[in-house]
Amino acid sequence: MEKTVPHILVRGLTMAYGDFLIQRDLTFTINRGDIFIVMGGSGCGKSTLLRHLVGLQRPAKGELLYGDVSFWDADPEERERIMMNFGILYQSGALWSSLTLGENVALPLQQYTNLSSDEIREVVALKLSLVGLSGFEEYYPSEISGGMKKRAGLARAMALDPDILFLDEPSSGLDPISAYQLDELILELRESLGATVVIVTHELASIFAVGNNSVFLDIEAKTMIAAGDPKRLLLQEKDSRIINFLTRGKGLQRE
């Protein structure tokens, strides 16, 4: 059996906006190579947790460790080094509308590497081919479908070969076939790149198709009430809040 190696450790994390508590006492581990799902009902703090994980918001309390480095205890240079290993796909795709797909993917390479123009073009072509968009370098975001925009955003997120991909509602707004294709792409990329993937989503099909680890945030308890493989949670959990979420309120008939 393959040994699990912790990649991100969250210890006693409390998230708040001033005196307004979002979530408290979050403690879980994301292992290297996981496709980790952050799930829970609307307004429970899923996207806020993602902001904490990518270093955009400091916790009110608790600790985030990447490997053996405590992110907020590290000096700014060390934090910057850690963040350079992140790739982020925003919910809308967040492509620059005035730039072609090729220029969008090239942007982080131009800003953070010393590659030549020819080398950048080669990397851009490779990243777009990985997401099934070979030959679309000169297209603008307005000229492609929503699913293609998500894939182009994913290509940009992978531009710097990150160790960790953070995906915010990647299937949101997609039709079932496009969502399925994106799920398959995420699985393929995890296998080929060896990256750890953290996904914020409420889409059940995606949760069960790609997730092998998860945390469940509850809006009323304002804390996590479960963690682990979503498929195992569906079969073993007895908490009605988790079962109702994972079955769209239909409950689960156990023999």
Protein backbone atom coordinates (compact mmCIF):
# COMPACT_ATOMS: atom_id res chain seq x y z
CA MET A 1 0.00 0.00 0.00
CA GLU A 2 1.34 3.41 -1.03
CA LYS A 3 2.39 5.56 1.91
CA THR A 4 0.53 8.85 2.32
CA VAL A 5 2.66 11.98 2.72
CA PRO A 6 1.06 15.10 4.25
CA HIS A 7 1.22 18.06 1.87
CA ILE A 8 -0.98 20.61 3.65
CA LEU A 9 -1.80 20.46 7.37
CA VAL A 10 -4.58 22.62 8.82
CA ARG A 11 -4.50 22.81 12.62
CA GLY A 12 -7.10 24.53 14.78
CA LEU A 13 -7.96 27.02 12.04
CA THR A 14 -10.54 29.69 12.84
CA MET A 15 -11.80 32.00 10.08
CA ALA A 16 -13.55 35.27 10.84
CA TYR A 17 -14.26 38.73 9.48
CA GLY A 18 -13.72 40.90 12.53
CA ASP A 19 -16.12 39.61 15.18
CA PHE A 20 -18.14 37.61 12.63
CA LEU A 21 -17.18 33.94 12.93
CA ILE A 22 -17.15 31.91 9.71
CA GLN A 23 -15.66 28.57 10.84
CA ARG A 24 -13.70 27.46 13.90
CA ASP A 25 -11.37 24.65 14.96
CA LEU A 26 -10.73 23.21 11.50
CA THR A 27 -8.15 20.43 11.65
CA PHE A 28 -7.47 18.18 8.66
CA THR A 29 -4.69 16.90 6.41
CA ILE A 30 -4.37 17.08 2.64
CA ASN A 31 -1.97 14.39 1.47
CA ARG A 32 0.36 14.69 -1.49
CA GLY A 33 -1.47 13.55 -4.62
CA ASP A 34 -4.93 13.93 -3.09
CA ILE A 35 -7.88 15.32 -4.96
CA PHE A 36 -9.26 17.01 -1.87
CA ILE A 37 -12.84 18.30 -1.82
CA VAL A 38 -13.96 21.25 0.31
CA MET A 39 -17.72 20.76 0.58
CA GLY A 40 -20.75 21.97 2.48
CA GLY A 41 -23.88 24.03 1.98
CA SER A 42 -24.02 27.55 0.55
CA GLY A 43 -22.52 30.19 2.82
CA CYS A 44 -20.58 27.77 5.02
CA GLY A 45 -17.19 29.28 4.18
CA LYS A 46 -15.82 27.04 1.42
CA SER A 47 -14.42 29.87 -0.69
CA THR A 48 -13.18 31.64 2.44
CA LEU A 49 -11.22 28.52 3.36
CA LEU A 50 -9.73 28.51 -0.13
CA ARG A 51 -8.62 32.13 0.36
CA HIS A 52 -6.89 31.07 3.57
CA LEU A 53 -5.21 28.10 1.88
CA VAL A 54 -3.76 30.21 -0.94
CA GLY A 55 -2.43 32.88 1.40
CA LEU A 56 -4.90 35.66 0.61
CA GLN A 57 -6.34 35.83 4.12
CA ARG A 58 -4.70 35.37 7.50
CA PRO A 59 -6.49 33.06 9.97
CA ALA A 60 -8.02 34.54 13.09
CA LYS A 61 -6.47 31.57 14.90
CA GLY A 62 -4.66 28.36 14.08
CA GLU A 63 -1.95 27.20 11.73
CA LEU A 64 -1.41 26.27 8.08
CA LEU A 65 1.60 24.11 7.25
CA TYR A 66 2.98 23.32 3.81
CA GLY A 67 5.20 20.34 4.38
CA ASP A 68 6.97 21.25 7.61
CA VAL A 69 6.75 25.04 7.09
CA SER A 70 4.18 27.07 9.02
CA PHE A 71 2.95 29.51 6.37
CA TRP A 72 2.12 32.53 8.53
CA ASP A 73 5.13 32.06 10.80
CA ALA A 74 7.47 32.08 7.80
CA ASP A 75 9.15 35.25 6.57
CA PRO A 76 7.68 36.99 3.49
CA GLU A 77 10.28 35.50 1.15
CA GLU A 78 9.47 31.97 2.31
CA ARG A 79 5.74 32.60 1.93
CA GLU A 80 6.35 33.87 -1.60
CA ARG A 81 8.34 30.74 -2.39
CA ILE A 82 5.49 28.53 -1.16
CA MET A 83 2.91 30.49 -3.15
CA MET A 84 4.96 30.10 -6.33
CA ASN A 85 4.05 26.41 -6.13
CA PHE A 86 0.31 27.21 -6.33
CA GLY A 87 -1.86 27.19 -9.43
CA ILE A 88 -5.35 28.67 -9.09
CA LEU A 89 -8.45 28.27 -11.25
CA TYR A 90 -11.03 30.87 -10.27
CA GLN A 91 -14.76 30.15 -10.49
CA SER A 92 -15.29 32.36 -13.55
CA GLY A 93 -12.05 31.31 -15.22
CA ALA A 94 -10.84 34.92 -14.74
CA LEU A 95 -9.27 35.12 -18.20
CA TRP A 96 -8.22 38.55 -19.42
CA SER A 97 -10.79 39.32 -22.12
CA SER A 98 -8.39 41.56 -24.05
CA LEU A 99 -5.78 38.80 -24.33
CA THR A 100 -5.84 35.66 -26.47
CA LEU A 101 -5.79 32.28 -24.78
CA GLY A 102 -2.11 31.99 -25.60
CA GLU A 103 -1.38 35.38 -24.08
CA ASN A 104 -3.38 34.50 -20.96
CA VAL A 105 -1.35 31.34 -20.40
CA ALA A 106 1.90 33.15 -21.23
CA LEU A 107 1.32 35.90 -18.67
CA PRO A 108 2.66 34.09 -15.54
CA LEU A 109 5.59 32.75 -17.57
CA GLN A 110 6.50 36.28 -18.65
CA GLN A 111 6.22 37.60 -15.11
CA TYR A 112 7.93 34.85 -13.13
CA THR A 113 10.43 33.14 -15.44
CA ASN A 114 13.41 34.08 -17.60
CA LEU A 115 12.23 31.99 -20.56
CA SER A 116 12.67 33.39 -24.05
CA SER A 117 9.68 34.24 -26.24
CA ASP A 118 10.16 31.05 -28.24
CA GLU A 119 10.37 28.94 -25.08
CA ILE A 120 7.22 30.57 -23.69
CA ARG A 121 5.36 29.80 -26.93
CA GLU A 122 6.39 26.16 -26.60
CA VAL A 123 5.19 25.95 -22.98
CA VAL A 124 1.90 27.68 -23.88
CA ALA A 125 1.29 25.22 -26.71
CA LEU A 126 2.02 22.30 -24.37
CA LYS A 127 -0.28 23.53 -21.59
CA LEU A 128 -3.15 24.21 -23.99
CA SER A 129 -2.69 20.79 -25.58
CA LEU A 130 -2.88 19.16 -22.13
CA VAL A 131 -6.38 20.61 -21.66
CA GLY A 132 -7.55 19.79 -25.18
CA LEU A 133 -7.14 23.30 -26.63
CA SER A 134 -4.28 22.74 -29.05
CA GLY A 135 -4.54 25.25 -31.88
CA PHE A 136 -6.63 27.75 -29.91
CA GLU A 137 -3.74 30.04 -28.98
CA GLU A 138 -5.07 32.98 -31.04
CA TYR A 139 -8.70 32.76 -29.87
CA TYR A 140 -10.11 35.31 -27.44
CA PRO A 141 -12.22 34.25 -24.43
CA SER A 142 -15.34 35.74 -26.06
CA GLU A 143 -14.91 33.34 -28.98
CA ILE A 144 -15.04 30.09 -27.01
CA SER A 145 -17.56 28.20 -24.85
CA GLY A 146 -17.82 28.23 -21.07
CA GLY A 147 -16.25 24.79 -20.79
CA MET A 148 -13.35 25.85 -22.98
CA LYS A 149 -12.82 28.95 -20.82
CA LYS A 150 -12.56 26.72 -17.73
CA ARG A 151 -10.00 24.54 -19.52
CA ALA A 152 -8.04 27.59 -20.65
CA GLY A 153 -8.05 28.86 -17.06
CA LEU A 154 -6.75 25.46 -15.98
CA ALA A 155 -3.96 25.67 -18.57
CA ARG A 156 -2.94 29.05 -17.13
CA ALA A 157 -3.08 27.64 -13.59
CA MET A 158 -0.62 24.93 -14.69
CA ALA A 159 1.73 27.31 -16.50
CA LEU A 160 4.41 27.29 -13.80
CA ASP A 161 4.14 23.53 -13.08
CA PRO A 162 2.68 23.99 -9.58
CA ASP A 163 2.76 21.34 -6.88
CA ILE A 164 -0.77 22.26 -5.80
CA LEU A 165 -3.78 23.19 -7.93
CA PHE A 166 -6.62 25.08 -6.24
CA LEU A 167 -9.89 24.96 -8.17
CA ASP A 168 -12.87 27.11 -7.14
CA GLU A 169 -16.17 25.59 -8.35
CA PRO A 170 -14.61 24.34 -11.63
CA SER A 171 -17.89 22.75 -12.85
CA SER A 172 -20.07 25.74 -12.00
CA GLY A 173 -22.20 26.85 -14.97
CA LEU A 174 -21.22 23.92 -17.16
CA ASP A 175 -23.62 21.48 -18.80
CA PRO A 176 -23.38 17.86 -17.55
CA ILE A 177 -21.23 16.66 -20.46
CA SER A 178 -18.75 19.55 -20.15
CA ALA A 179 -18.62 19.03 -16.37
CA TYR A 180 -17.93 15.32 -16.87
CA GLN A 181 -15.16 16.09 -19.37
CA LEU A 182 -13.59 18.55 -16.93
CA ASP A 183 -13.69 15.93 -14.16
CA GLU A 184 -11.94 13.45 -16.45
CA LEU A 185 -9.35 16.09 -17.31
CA ILE A 186 -8.65 16.79 -13.62
CA LEU A 187 -8.06 13.08 -13.02
CA GLU A 188 -5.74 12.83 -16.03
CA LEU A 189 -3.75 15.89 -14.98
CA ARG A 190 -3.34 14.63 -11.43
CA GLU A 191 -1.99 11.35 -12.76
CA SER A 192 0.33 12.92 -15.35
CA LEU A 193 1.59 15.86 -13.27
CA GLY A 194 1.55 14.30 -9.80
CA ALA A 195 0.02 17.47 -8.37
CA THR A 196 -2.15 17.76 -5.28
CA VAL A 197 -5.57 19.16 -6.21
CA VAL A 198 -7.86 21.08 -3.83
CA ILE A 199 -11.39 21.66 -5.15
CA VAL A 200 -14.19 23.78 -3.72
CA THR A 201 -17.45 22.37 -5.08
CA HIS A 202 -21.04 21.46 -4.27
CA GLU A 203 -21.48 19.36 -7.44
CA LEU A 204 -22.17 15.80 -6.27
CA ALA A 205 -21.19 14.17 -9.56
CA SER A 206 -17.76 15.81 -9.37
CA ILE A 207 -17.35 15.07 -5.66
CA PHE A 208 -17.81 11.33 -6.19
CA ALA A 209 -16.04 11.18 -9.56
CA VAL A 210 -12.74 12.76 -8.55
CA GLY A 211 -12.49 13.19 -4.77
CA ASN A 212 -10.51 10.78 -2.60
CA ASN A 213 -10.38 13.01 0.50
CA SER A 214 -12.51 15.86 1.82
CA VAL A 215 -13.66 18.11 4.61
CA PHE A 216 -17.32 18.93 5.26
CA LEU A 217 -18.08 22.41 6.64
CA ASP A 218 -21.38 23.01 8.42
CA ILE A 219 -22.92 26.49 8.41
CA GLU A 220 -24.88 26.05 11.64
CA ALA A 221 -22.19 24.39 13.75
CA LYS A 222 -19.60 26.75 12.20
CA THR A 223 -17.04 23.97 12.14
CA MET A 224 -16.16 20.82 10.26
CA ILE A 225 -18.34 17.81 11.01
CA ALA A 226 -16.63 15.19 8.83
CA ALA A 227 -13.47 14.47 6.85
CA GLY A 228 -12.29 11.66 4.58
CA ASP A 229 -13.14 9.97 1.30
CA PRO A 230 -16.59 11.24 0.18
CA LYS A 231 -17.63 7.75 -0.95
CA ARG A 232 -16.78 6.39 2.49
CA LEU A 233 -18.68 9.22 4.17
CA LEU A 234 -21.76 8.40 2.11
CA LEU A 235 -21.68 4.76 3.22
CA GLN A 236 -20.56 5.12 6.83
CA GLU A 237 -21.66 8.50 8.18
CA LYS A 238 -24.81 8.66 10.27
CA ASP A 239 -25.06 12.43 10.58
CA SER A 240 -28.20 13.47 8.70
CA ARG A 241 -26.63 16.77 7.61
CA ILE A 242 -23.90 14.94 5.71
CA ILE A 243 -26.20 12.27 4.28
CA ASN A 244 -28.74 14.85 3.12
CA PHE A 245 -26.03 16.86 1.39
CA LEU A 246 -24.52 13.82 -0.32
CA THR A 247 -27.93 12.51 -1.46
CA ARG A 248 -29.60 15.84 -2.30
CA GLY A 249 -31.93 15.42 0.63
CA LYS A 250 -33.19 11.96 -0.38
CA GLY A 251 -31.53 10.17 2.51
CA LEU A 252 -29.81 6.82 2.23
CA GLN A 253 -31.43 3.41 2.40
CA ARG A 254 -29.02 1.07 4.13
CA GLU A 255 -29.58 -2.66 4.24
